[in-house]
Amino acid sequence: MTNKPKQVSDKLIDYDPASALVNDEEMAFFVTDAFETGDARHIASALGVAARAKGMTHVAKQTGLSREQLYRSLSMDGNPTLKTILAVMRAIDMEIAARPADKKNPTRV
């Protein structure tokens, strides 16, 4: 009797986190979590995911920006302006709120 190693499937499943953002509460939690990291690249990417969940064509119409510009700006390599961030936030029915910094955890914004 020979013991053959089990084959590991090379198949990976495509997963789009936008599919998990099924309502405004989920979207708000996702975007808030990104902002709390303080990582600009992560924030831009999370806004891109939220924009895809809302519908990139809808966001493009609401912001007056092209879909291509939104995809480019709202990626890990993007660098959206504050104006773009605010426009996208409005288009996805979100707002930015300020609160005192957590002095016990300086890595959070």
C-alpha atoms as a PDB file:
ATOM      1  CA  MET A   1       0.000   0.000   0.000  1.00  0.00           C
ATOM      2  CA  THR A   2       1.452   3.350  -0.996  1.00  0.00           C
ATOM      3  CA  ASN A   3       0.625   6.595   0.700  1.00  0.00           C
ATOM      4  CA  LYS A   4       0.114   9.212  -1.951  1.00  0.00           C
ATOM      5  CA  PRO A   5       0.063  12.813  -0.809  1.00  0.00           C
ATOM      6  CA  LYS A   6      -3.285  14.505  -1.149  1.00  0.00           C
ATOM      7  CA  GLN A   7      -3.567  16.911  -4.033  1.00  0.00           C
ATOM      8  CA  VAL A   8      -4.148  20.507  -3.097  1.00  0.00           C
ATOM      9  CA  SER A   9      -6.451  22.296  -5.445  1.00  0.00           C
ATOM     10  CA  ASP A  10      -4.829  25.165  -7.294  1.00  0.00           C
ATOM     11  CA  LYS A  11      -8.206  26.804  -7.761  1.00  0.00           C
ATOM     12  CA  LEU A  12      -8.668  30.142  -6.118  1.00  0.00           C
ATOM     13  CA  ILE A  13     -12.020  31.747  -5.782  1.00  0.00           C
ATOM     14  CA  ASP A  14     -12.329  35.347  -6.936  1.00  0.00           C
ATOM     15  CA  TYR A  15     -13.685  37.431  -4.102  1.00  0.00           C
ATOM     16  CA  ASP A  16     -14.837  40.993  -4.424  1.00  0.00           C
ATOM     17  CA  PRO A  17     -15.355  42.624  -1.012  1.00  0.00           C
ATOM     18  CA  ALA A  18     -17.897  44.960  -2.649  1.00  0.00           C
ATOM     19  CA  SER A  19     -20.298  42.008  -2.764  1.00  0.00           C
ATOM     20  CA  ALA A  20     -20.345  41.919   1.057  1.00  0.00           C
ATOM     21  CA  LEU A  21     -21.405  45.549   1.354  1.00  0.00           C
ATOM     22  CA  VAL A  22     -25.116  44.901   1.001  1.00  0.00           C
ATOM     23  CA  ASN A  23     -26.455  47.917   2.889  1.00  0.00           C
ATOM     24  CA  ASP A  24     -25.432  51.361   4.107  1.00  0.00           C
ATOM     25  CA  GLU A  25     -24.553  50.091   7.591  1.00  0.00           C
ATOM     26  CA  GLU A  26     -22.104  47.515   6.220  1.00  0.00           C
ATOM     27  CA  MET A  27     -20.612  50.141   3.930  1.00  0.00           C
ATOM     28  CA  ALA A  28     -20.254  52.659   6.767  1.00  0.00           C
ATOM     29  CA  PHE A  29     -18.534  50.079   8.988  1.00  0.00           C
ATOM     30  CA  PHE A  30     -16.142  49.128   6.164  1.00  0.00           C
ATOM     31  CA  VAL A  31     -15.217  52.727   5.295  1.00  0.00           C
ATOM     32  CA  THR A  32     -14.913  53.780   8.962  1.00  0.00           C
ATOM     33  CA  ASP A  33     -12.591  50.871   9.627  1.00  0.00           C
ATOM     34  CA  ALA A  34     -10.391  51.985   6.729  1.00  0.00           C
ATOM     35  CA  PHE A  35     -10.243  55.574   8.000  1.00  0.00           C
ATOM     36  CA  GLU A  36      -9.288  54.336  11.466  1.00  0.00           C
ATOM     37  CA  THR A  37      -6.155  52.673  10.075  1.00  0.00           C
ATOM     38  CA  GLY A  38      -4.756  56.062   9.089  1.00  0.00           C
ATOM     39  CA  ASP A  39      -3.339  54.434   5.944  1.00  0.00           C
ATOM     40  CA  ALA A  40      -4.100  56.648   2.929  1.00  0.00           C
ATOM     41  CA  ARG A  41      -3.696  53.782   0.468  1.00  0.00           C
ATOM     42  CA  HIS A  42      -6.097  51.585   2.425  1.00  0.00           C
ATOM     43  CA  ILE A  43      -8.623  54.424   2.695  1.00  0.00           C
ATOM     44  CA  ALA A  44      -8.517  55.077  -1.063  1.00  0.00           C
ATOM     45  CA  SER A  45      -8.924  51.379  -1.796  1.00  0.00           C
ATOM     46  CA  ALA A  46     -11.811  51.007   0.671  1.00  0.00           C
ATOM     47  CA  LEU A  47     -13.592  53.958  -0.915  1.00  0.00           C
ATOM     48  CA  GLY A  48     -13.126  52.229  -4.269  1.00  0.00           C
ATOM     49  CA  VAL A  49     -14.690  49.040  -2.906  1.00  0.00           C
ATOM     50  CA  ALA A  50     -17.605  51.031  -1.459  1.00  0.00           C
ATOM     51  CA  ALA A  51     -18.043  52.894  -4.753  1.00  0.00           C
ATOM     52  CA  ARG A  52     -18.195  49.580  -6.633  1.00  0.00           C
ATOM     53  CA  ALA A  53     -20.768  48.311  -4.130  1.00  0.00           C
ATOM     54  CA  LYS A  54     -22.911  51.405  -4.700  1.00  0.00           C
ATOM     55  CA  GLY A  55     -22.347  51.248  -8.461  1.00  0.00           C
ATOM     56  CA  MET A  56     -19.416  52.961 -10.127  1.00  0.00           C
ATOM     57  CA  THR A  57     -21.612  54.414 -12.874  1.00  0.00           C
ATOM     58  CA  HIS A  58     -23.861  55.990 -10.229  1.00  0.00           C
ATOM     59  CA  VAL A  59     -20.836  57.368  -8.357  1.00  0.00           C
ATOM     60  CA  ALA A  60     -19.355  58.743 -11.579  1.00  0.00           C
ATOM     61  CA  LYS A  61     -22.605  60.550 -12.415  1.00  0.00           C
ATOM     62  CA  GLN A  62     -22.942  61.938  -8.892  1.00  0.00           C
ATOM     63  CA  THR A  63     -19.331  63.156  -8.706  1.00  0.00           C
ATOM     64  CA  GLY A  64     -18.925  64.361 -12.279  1.00  0.00           C
ATOM     65  CA  LEU A  65     -15.784  62.227 -12.576  1.00  0.00           C
ATOM     66  CA  SER A  66     -15.228  59.500 -15.141  1.00  0.00           C
ATOM     67  CA  ARG A  67     -15.383  55.864 -14.104  1.00  0.00           C
ATOM     68  CA  GLU A  68     -11.775  55.469 -15.239  1.00  0.00           C
ATOM     69  CA  GLN A  69     -10.660  58.379 -13.058  1.00  0.00           C
ATOM     70  CA  LEU A  70     -12.507  56.908 -10.079  1.00  0.00           C
ATOM     71  CA  TYR A  71     -11.002  53.449 -10.584  1.00  0.00           C
ATOM     72  CA  ARG A  72      -7.543  54.998 -10.842  1.00  0.00           C
ATOM     73  CA  SER A  73      -7.920  57.345  -7.856  1.00  0.00           C
ATOM     74  CA  LEU A  74      -9.643  54.830  -5.602  1.00  0.00           C
ATOM     75  CA  SER A  75      -7.059  52.085  -5.803  1.00  0.00           C
ATOM     76  CA  MET A  76      -4.097  51.111  -3.632  1.00  0.00           C
ATOM     77  CA  ASP A  77      -1.904  53.114  -6.017  1.00  0.00           C
ATOM     78  CA  GLY A  78      -4.307  56.054  -6.225  1.00  0.00           C
ATOM     79  CA  ASN A  79      -3.930  59.362  -4.493  1.00  0.00           C
ATOM     80  CA  PRO A  80      -7.365  61.003  -4.507  1.00  0.00           C
ATOM     81  CA  THR A  81      -7.683  64.652  -3.616  1.00  0.00           C
ATOM     82  CA  LEU A  82      -9.765  65.716  -0.650  1.00  0.00           C
ATOM     83  CA  LYS A  83     -12.275  67.085  -3.158  1.00  0.00           C
ATOM     84  CA  THR A  84     -12.586  63.633  -4.764  1.00  0.00           C
ATOM     85  CA  ILE A  85     -12.878  61.902  -1.385  1.00  0.00           C
ATOM     86  CA  LEU A  86     -15.663  64.251  -0.288  1.00  0.00           C
ATOM     87  CA  ALA A  87     -17.502  63.870  -3.601  1.00  0.00           C
ATOM     88  CA  VAL A  88     -17.300  60.079  -3.436  1.00  0.00           C
ATOM     89  CA  MET A  89     -18.432  60.061   0.193  1.00  0.00           C
ATOM     90  CA  ARG A  90     -21.503  62.118  -0.771  1.00  0.00           C
ATOM     91  CA  ALA A  91     -22.203  59.853  -3.764  1.00  0.00           C
ATOM     92  CA  ILE A  92     -22.168  56.736  -1.575  1.00  0.00           C
ATOM     93  CA  ASP A  93     -24.369  58.457   1.012  1.00  0.00           C
ATOM     94  CA  MET A  94     -21.635  58.703   3.657  1.00  0.00           C
ATOM     95  CA  GLU A  95     -20.177  61.609   5.596  1.00  0.00           C
ATOM     96  CA  ILE A  96     -16.920  62.213   7.402  1.00  0.00           C
ATOM     97  CA  ALA A  97     -17.050  63.047  11.097  1.00  0.00           C
ATOM     98  CA  ALA A  98     -14.226  64.211  13.352  1.00  0.00           C
ATOM     99  CA  ARG A  99     -13.673  63.019  16.910  1.00  0.00           C
ATOM    100  CA  PRO A 100     -10.901  63.479  19.470  1.00  0.00           C
ATOM    101  CA  ALA A 101      -7.839  61.329  18.813  1.00  0.00           C
ATOM    102  CA  ASP A 102      -7.305  58.179  20.841  1.00  0.00           C
ATOM    103  CA  LYS A 103      -4.157  59.139  22.787  1.00  0.00           C
ATOM    104  CA  LYS A 104      -3.815  55.602  24.175  1.00  0.00           C
ATOM    105  CA  ASN A 105      -3.469  54.165  20.681  1.00  0.00           C
ATOM    106  CA  PRO A 106      -1.424  56.638  18.607  1.00  0.00           C
ATOM    107  CA  THR A 107      -1.552  54.492  15.444  1.00  0.00           C
ATOM    108  CA  ARG A 108      -5.246  55.243  15.045  1.00  0.00           C
ATOM    109  CA  VAL A 109      -6.358  58.500  13.525  1.00  0.00           C
END
